[in-house]
Amino acid sequence: MLMLDTAGNIPVANDGTDRNVWRALGRGWNQKCPSCGEGKLYGKYLKVNDLCPACGTELFHQRADDAPPYFVMTITAHVIVAGIIIVERLYSPPTWVQLAIWMPALVLLSLWLLPRVKGSLVGYQWALRMHGFGGPNSDEPEEWPPSPPAAS
């Protein structure tokens, strides 16, 4: 069934099944397939599997690209800066102690968050049928690079 989006002008494919956004975000956070929640999302650290090993859902449509690092930088910066300020106000340690504490914490927190945030974004894209996850004409391959607009 082809429906119109909330603005009423962009066709959106709807196969009759609802995709729970929160469940997909949670499954992505846990680095599992957004569809079944069983298969591993990644083959390597940040390499999304082309297909879910458990249910066969196509995952190669994802376009997580640059968004996850930006989200991770924002989250990590807020946590680390808050920690630095609290420790500085309470204990006033030397700068080298602050660096010895917070630099490894920054790296470890970033490395821990990045696959989880990327997985959540892939789950979000799947739930909203974005980028070929069941959107309009998802059976047809996407032309890349896009053709230039016709001259008038």
C-alpha atoms as a PDB file:
ATOM      1  CA  MET A   1       0.000   0.000   0.000  1.00  0.00           C
ATOM      2  CA  LEU A   2       1.348   3.450  -0.884  1.00  0.00           C
ATOM      3  CA  MET A   3       0.520   6.219   1.556  1.00  0.00           C
ATOM      4  CA  LEU A   4       1.350   9.884   1.876  1.00  0.00           C
ATOM      5  CA  ASP A   5       3.515  11.190   4.658  1.00  0.00           C
ATOM      6  CA  THR A   6       2.301  13.715   7.230  1.00  0.00           C
ATOM      7  CA  ALA A   7       3.003  16.596   4.849  1.00  0.00           C
ATOM      8  CA  GLY A   8       0.819  14.836   2.294  1.00  0.00           C
ATOM      9  CA  ASN A   9       3.213  14.970  -0.612  1.00  0.00           C
ATOM     10  CA  ILE A  10       5.915  12.295  -0.346  1.00  0.00           C
ATOM     11  CA  PRO A  11       4.903   8.715  -1.077  1.00  0.00           C
ATOM     12  CA  VAL A  12       5.901   6.276   1.651  1.00  0.00           C
ATOM     13  CA  ALA A  13       5.665   2.513   1.282  1.00  0.00           C
ATOM     14  CA  ASN A  14       3.752   0.769   4.016  1.00  0.00           C
ATOM     15  CA  ASP A  15       3.536  -2.995   4.012  1.00  0.00           C
ATOM     16  CA  GLY A  16       1.000  -2.950   6.830  1.00  0.00           C
ATOM     17  CA  THR A  17       3.476  -3.730   9.594  1.00  0.00           C
ATOM     18  CA  ASP A  18       4.377  -1.191  12.210  1.00  0.00           C
ATOM     19  CA  ARG A  19       8.023  -0.842  13.066  1.00  0.00           C
ATOM     20  CA  ASN A  20       8.489   0.227  16.659  1.00  0.00           C
ATOM     21  CA  VAL A  21      11.061   3.030  16.722  1.00  0.00           C
ATOM     22  CA  TRP A  22      11.982   2.579  20.390  1.00  0.00           C
ATOM     23  CA  ARG A  23      12.475  -1.156  19.987  1.00  0.00           C
ATOM     24  CA  ALA A  24      14.634  -0.567  16.897  1.00  0.00           C
ATOM     25  CA  LEU A  25      16.698   2.048  18.769  1.00  0.00           C
ATOM     26  CA  GLY A  26      17.201  -0.356  21.673  1.00  0.00           C
ATOM     27  CA  ARG A  27      18.172  -3.237  19.421  1.00  0.00           C
ATOM     28  CA  GLY A  28      20.622  -0.977  17.612  1.00  0.00           C
ATOM     29  CA  TRP A  29      22.062   0.175  20.950  1.00  0.00           C
ATOM     30  CA  ASN A  30      22.587  -3.499  21.819  1.00  0.00           C
ATOM     31  CA  GLN A  31      24.254  -3.983  18.410  1.00  0.00           C
ATOM     32  CA  LYS A  32      21.578  -6.405  17.211  1.00  0.00           C
ATOM     33  CA  CYS A  33      19.506  -6.530  14.036  1.00  0.00           C
ATOM     34  CA  PRO A  34      16.713  -3.922  14.249  1.00  0.00           C
ATOM     35  CA  SER A  35      14.264  -6.354  12.669  1.00  0.00           C
ATOM     36  CA  CYS A  36      14.680  -9.547  14.716  1.00  0.00           C
ATOM     37  CA  GLY A  37      16.897  -8.478  17.629  1.00  0.00           C
ATOM     38  CA  GLU A  38      18.858 -11.734  17.342  1.00  0.00           C
ATOM     39  CA  GLY A  39      21.544 -11.366  14.667  1.00  0.00           C
ATOM     40  CA  LYS A  40      24.696  -9.322  15.142  1.00  0.00           C
ATOM     41  CA  LEU A  41      24.553  -5.895  13.522  1.00  0.00           C
ATOM     42  CA  TYR A  42      28.316  -5.676  12.974  1.00  0.00           C
ATOM     43  CA  GLY A  43      30.777  -8.014  11.323  1.00  0.00           C
ATOM     44  CA  LYS A  44      33.669  -5.957  12.691  1.00  0.00           C
ATOM     45  CA  TYR A  45      33.896  -3.013  15.100  1.00  0.00           C
ATOM     46  CA  LEU A  46      31.849  -0.559  12.982  1.00  0.00           C
ATOM     47  CA  LYS A  47      31.258  -2.543   9.759  1.00  0.00           C
ATOM     48  CA  VAL A  48      27.523  -3.180   9.444  1.00  0.00           C
ATOM     49  CA  ASN A  49      26.712  -6.637   8.053  1.00  0.00           C
ATOM     50  CA  ASP A  50      25.101  -6.551   4.613  1.00  0.00           C
ATOM     51  CA  LEU A  51      22.473  -9.050   5.797  1.00  0.00           C
ATOM     52  CA  CYS A  52      21.334 -10.079   9.254  1.00  0.00           C
ATOM     53  CA  PRO A  53      22.881 -13.499   9.948  1.00  0.00           C
ATOM     54  CA  ALA A  54      19.723 -14.583  11.820  1.00  0.00           C
ATOM     55  CA  CYS A  55      16.768 -13.333   9.746  1.00  0.00           C
ATOM     56  CA  GLY A  56      18.337 -12.194   6.459  1.00  0.00           C
ATOM     57  CA  THR A  57      17.121  -8.586   6.679  1.00  0.00           C
ATOM     58  CA  GLU A  58      19.087  -6.382   4.298  1.00  0.00           C
ATOM     59  CA  LEU A  59      21.145  -3.932   6.330  1.00  0.00           C
ATOM     60  CA  PHE A  60      23.348  -2.535   3.576  1.00  0.00           C
ATOM     61  CA  HIS A  61      20.842   0.275   3.010  1.00  0.00           C
ATOM     62  CA  GLN A  62      22.001   2.092   6.143  1.00  0.00           C
ATOM     63  CA  ARG A  63      23.519   5.536   5.776  1.00  0.00           C
ATOM     64  CA  ALA A  64      24.896   6.234   9.238  1.00  0.00           C
ATOM     65  CA  ASP A  65      27.932   8.067   7.767  1.00  0.00           C
ATOM     66  CA  ASP A  66      28.961  11.097   9.860  1.00  0.00           C
ATOM     67  CA  ALA A  67      26.108  11.409  12.351  1.00  0.00           C
ATOM     68  CA  PRO A  68      27.292   8.881  14.982  1.00  0.00           C
ATOM     69  CA  PRO A  69      30.680  10.547  15.597  1.00  0.00           C
ATOM     70  CA  TYR A  70      28.991  13.934  16.033  1.00  0.00           C
ATOM     71  CA  PHE A  71      26.522  12.515  18.551  1.00  0.00           C
ATOM     72  CA  VAL A  72      29.330  10.704  20.371  1.00  0.00           C
ATOM     73  CA  MET A  73      31.476  13.859  20.505  1.00  0.00           C
ATOM     74  CA  THR A  74      28.576  15.832  21.954  1.00  0.00           C
ATOM     75  CA  ILE A  75      27.716  13.235  24.597  1.00  0.00           C
ATOM     76  CA  THR A  76      31.339  12.556  25.521  1.00  0.00           C
ATOM     77  CA  ALA A  77      32.237  16.234  25.766  1.00  0.00           C
ATOM     78  CA  HIS A  78      29.352  16.921  28.138  1.00  0.00           C
ATOM     79  CA  VAL A  79      30.225  13.975  30.380  1.00  0.00           C
ATOM     80  CA  ILE A  80      33.977  14.611  30.434  1.00  0.00           C
ATOM     81  CA  VAL A  81      33.755  18.387  30.906  1.00  0.00           C
ATOM     82  CA  ALA A  82      31.245  17.935  33.732  1.00  0.00           C
ATOM     83  CA  GLY A  83      33.603  15.446  35.372  1.00  0.00           C
ATOM     84  CA  ILE A  84      36.591  17.756  34.976  1.00  0.00           C
ATOM     85  CA  ILE A  85      34.720  20.662  36.545  1.00  0.00           C
ATOM     86  CA  ILE A  86      33.425  18.586  39.468  1.00  0.00           C
ATOM     87  CA  VAL A  87      36.842  17.078  40.231  1.00  0.00           C
ATOM     88  CA  GLU A  88      38.525  20.479  39.899  1.00  0.00           C
ATOM     89  CA  ARG A  89      36.048  22.145  42.272  1.00  0.00           C
ATOM     90  CA  LEU A  90      36.170  19.369  44.866  1.00  0.00           C
ATOM     91  CA  TYR A  91      39.837  18.358  44.867  1.00  0.00           C
ATOM     92  CA  SER A  92      41.874  20.820  42.730  1.00  0.00           C
ATOM     93  CA  PRO A  93      44.336  18.166  41.524  1.00  0.00           C
ATOM     94  CA  PRO A  94      47.387  19.097  39.423  1.00  0.00           C
ATOM     95  CA  THR A  95      46.862  19.351  35.685  1.00  0.00           C
ATOM     96  CA  TRP A  96      48.821  16.156  34.994  1.00  0.00           C
ATOM     97  CA  VAL A  97      46.445  14.213  37.255  1.00  0.00           C
ATOM     98  CA  GLN A  98      43.441  15.639  35.434  1.00  0.00           C
ATOM     99  CA  LEU A  99      45.004  14.658  32.100  1.00  0.00           C
ATOM    100  CA  ALA A 100      45.886  11.190  33.394  1.00  0.00           C
ATOM    101  CA  ILE A 101      42.267  10.651  34.444  1.00  0.00           C
ATOM    102  CA  TRP A 102      40.277  12.301  31.686  1.00  0.00           C
ATOM    103  CA  MET A 103      42.235  11.567  28.507  1.00  0.00           C
ATOM    104  CA  PRO A 104      41.871   7.769  28.822  1.00  0.00           C
ATOM    105  CA  ALA A 105      38.267   8.241  29.974  1.00  0.00           C
ATOM    106  CA  LEU A 106      37.576  10.327  26.867  1.00  0.00           C
ATOM    107  CA  VAL A 107      39.026   7.710  24.532  1.00  0.00           C
ATOM    108  CA  LEU A 108      37.358   4.744  26.247  1.00  0.00           C
ATOM    109  CA  LEU A 109      33.948   6.423  26.458  1.00  0.00           C
ATOM    110  CA  SER A 110      34.112   7.397  22.781  1.00  0.00           C
ATOM    111  CA  LEU A 111      35.110   3.892  21.697  1.00  0.00           C
ATOM    112  CA  TRP A 112      32.357   2.370  23.844  1.00  0.00           C
ATOM    113  CA  LEU A 113      29.633   4.748  22.633  1.00  0.00           C
ATOM    114  CA  LEU A 114      30.390   4.819  18.905  1.00  0.00           C
ATOM    115  CA  PRO A 115      29.063   1.359  17.907  1.00  0.00           C
ATOM    116  CA  ARG A 116      26.014   1.796  20.139  1.00  0.00           C
ATOM    117  CA  VAL A 117      25.093   5.199  18.719  1.00  0.00           C
ATOM    118  CA  LYS A 118      25.685   3.984  15.157  1.00  0.00           C
ATOM    119  CA  GLY A 119      23.557   0.899  15.835  1.00  0.00           C
ATOM    120  CA  SER A 120      20.761   3.069  17.204  1.00  0.00           C
ATOM    121  CA  LEU A 121      20.907   5.247  14.101  1.00  0.00           C
ATOM    122  CA  VAL A 122      20.739   2.181  11.832  1.00  0.00           C
ATOM    123  CA  GLY A 123      17.745   0.958  13.846  1.00  0.00           C
ATOM    124  CA  TYR A 124      16.101   4.374  13.534  1.00  0.00           C
ATOM    125  CA  GLN A 125      16.579   4.355   9.756  1.00  0.00           C
ATOM    126  CA  TRP A 126      15.138   0.833   9.559  1.00  0.00           C
ATOM    127  CA  ALA A 127      12.104   1.721  11.713  1.00  0.00           C
ATOM    128  CA  LEU A 128      11.275   4.763   9.595  1.00  0.00           C
ATOM    129  CA  ARG A 129      11.923   2.908   6.313  1.00  0.00           C
ATOM    130  CA  MET A 130      14.625   5.370   5.313  1.00  0.00           C
ATOM    131  CA  HIS A 131      17.286   4.862   2.608  1.00  0.00           C
ATOM    132  CA  GLY A 132      15.813   1.704   1.088  1.00  0.00           C
ATOM    133  CA  PHE A 133      14.624  -0.013   4.270  1.00  0.00           C
ATOM    134  CA  GLY A 134      11.157  -0.377   2.750  1.00  0.00           C
ATOM    135  CA  GLY A 135      10.577   3.143   1.436  1.00  0.00           C
ATOM    136  CA  PRO A 136       9.277   4.050  -2.024  1.00  0.00           C
ATOM    137  CA  ASN A 137      10.797   1.966  -4.827  1.00  0.00           C
ATOM    138  CA  SER A 138      13.020   0.123  -2.361  1.00  0.00           C
ATOM    139  CA  ASP A 139      13.194  -2.861  -4.733  1.00  0.00           C
ATOM    140  CA  GLU A 140      14.909  -0.769  -7.386  1.00  0.00           C
ATOM    141  CA  PRO A 141      18.629  -0.096  -6.961  1.00  0.00           C
ATOM    142  CA  GLU A 142      19.477   3.465  -6.105  1.00  0.00           C
ATOM    143  CA  GLU A 143      21.323   5.253  -8.902  1.00  0.00           C
ATOM    144  CA  TRP A 144      24.726   6.449  -7.757  1.00  0.00           C
ATOM    145  CA  PRO A 145      25.946   8.985  -8.402  1.00  0.00           C
ATOM    146  CA  PRO A 146      22.642  10.735  -9.007  1.00  0.00           C
ATOM    147  CA  SER A 147      22.049  12.005 -12.515  1.00  0.00           C
ATOM    148  CA  PRO A 148      22.481  15.749 -12.959  1.00  0.00           C
ATOM    149  CA  PRO A 149      19.258  17.706 -13.439  1.00  0.00           C
ATOM    150  CA  ALA A 150      18.108  18.037 -17.027  1.00  0.00           C
ATOM    151  CA  ALA A 151      18.961  21.338 -18.686  1.00  0.00           C
ATOM    152  CA  SER A 152      15.945  23.432 -19.525  1.00  0.00           C
END
